[in-house]
Structure formats: C-alpha cells, structure tokens
Amino acid sequence: MNIRTVPIEALCLPNTVTRKLASAGIATVADLCALRASDIQIKVPSVGPVAVERIREVLSLYGLDLLADEEVCA
C-alpha cells in the first residue's frame, strides 16, 4: 500500500486536527505532504504551530514531511 494514498484519518492525529484538515479539503497523506506549514496555517487558521509540529512528527514516522518553507530574500 502506498502511504500517500491513505486518508488523513488513518494518521492518528488528534480528532480536531483531522476534522479541520478534512474540512479544508485535505483528504490524503499526499494532499498533506503537498503543503508547507505556512500553507496549512493559511488554509486552516485554527490549526496552529503546535498542531503543525504534531503533523510533522506523525509524517516523519513514515519517512515523510511537509514541503519546506522557502526563505524570502529581501
């Protein structure tokens, strides 16, 4: 089974985080991995930095992560 096709409900994230992500249209691990931490906080403002860190921890168990936030040079 490809972990990227797994629904986010299977990740054992807190239920509130899972519901908020799903309501924003983030349905699979692939959907989640295609986002940056800042993207999540824009799409789902009620998911804060602590929840994003938990998401990253869970993804790391599968060798995955969110996209890296790019630095902005002035």
Protein backbone atom coordinates (compact mmCIF):
# COMPACT_ATOMS: atom_id res chain seq x y z
CA MET A 1 0.00 0.00 0.00
CA ASN A 2 1.25 3.47 -0.85
CA ILE A 3 1.14 5.62 2.30
CA ARG A 4 0.43 8.72 0.21
CA THR A 5 -2.99 7.37 -0.78
CA VAL A 6 -4.00 6.77 2.83
CA PRO A 7 -6.73 9.05 4.22
CA ILE A 8 -5.55 11.52 6.85
CA GLU A 9 -7.95 9.90 9.33
CA ALA A 10 -5.55 6.93 9.48
CA LEU A 11 -2.63 9.07 10.74
CA CYS A 12 -3.74 9.07 14.39
CA LEU A 13 -3.66 12.84 14.60
CA PRO A 14 -5.90 14.47 17.19
CA ASN A 15 -9.52 14.28 16.02
CA THR A 16 -9.94 18.04 15.99
CA VAL A 17 -6.91 18.47 13.72
CA THR A 18 -8.10 15.73 11.39
CA ARG A 19 -11.57 17.28 11.12
CA LYS A 20 -10.18 20.75 10.44
CA LEU A 21 -7.82 19.47 7.74
CA ALA A 22 -10.60 17.44 6.12
CA SER A 23 -12.95 20.42 6.13
CA ALA A 24 -10.27 22.37 4.23
CA GLY A 25 -10.17 19.68 1.53
CA ILE A 26 -7.03 17.91 2.75
CA ALA A 27 -8.10 14.28 2.44
CA THR A 28 -5.00 12.13 1.93
CA VAL A 29 -1.40 11.97 3.08
CA ALA A 30 -0.40 13.15 -0.41
CA ASP A 31 -2.60 16.23 -0.01
CA LEU A 32 -0.91 16.96 3.30
CA CYS A 33 2.65 16.40 2.03
CA ALA A 34 1.99 18.80 -0.85
CA LEU A 35 1.66 21.68 1.63
CA ARG A 36 4.07 23.84 3.58
CA ALA A 37 3.48 24.54 7.26
CA SER A 38 2.57 28.09 6.31
CA ASP A 39 0.07 26.78 3.72
CA ILE A 40 -1.70 24.78 6.40
CA GLN A 41 -1.94 27.78 8.69
CA ILE A 42 -3.35 29.88 5.83
CA LYS A 43 -5.87 27.23 4.68
CA VAL A 44 -6.80 26.24 8.22
CA PRO A 45 -6.12 29.20 10.54
CA SER A 46 -7.36 27.29 13.58
CA VAL A 47 -4.50 24.79 13.16
CA GLY A 48 -1.62 26.43 15.00
CA PRO A 49 2.10 25.77 15.26
CA VAL A 50 1.72 23.04 17.88
CA ALA A 51 -0.67 21.07 15.65
CA VAL A 52 1.61 21.58 12.64
CA GLU A 53 4.53 20.20 14.64
CA ARG A 54 2.41 17.17 15.59
CA ILE A 55 1.54 16.65 11.91
CA ARG A 56 5.25 16.75 11.05
CA GLU A 57 6.05 14.24 13.81
CA VAL A 58 3.43 11.80 12.55
CA LEU A 59 4.52 12.17 8.92
CA SER A 60 8.15 11.56 9.94
CA LEU A 61 7.15 8.12 11.24
CA TYR A 62 6.53 7.24 7.58
CA GLY A 63 9.64 8.98 6.26
CA LEU A 64 7.55 11.91 5.01
CA ASP A 65 7.35 15.62 5.75
CA LEU A 66 5.61 18.78 4.69
CA LEU A 67 7.20 20.84 1.95
CA ALA A 68 9.96 23.10 3.20
CA ASP A 69 9.08 26.75 3.68
CA GLU A 70 11.28 28.75 1.34
CA GLU A 71 13.19 31.67 2.71
CA VAL A 72 12.28 35.02 1.27
CA CYS A 73 15.23 37.22 0.44
CA ALA A 74 14.77 40.96 0.52
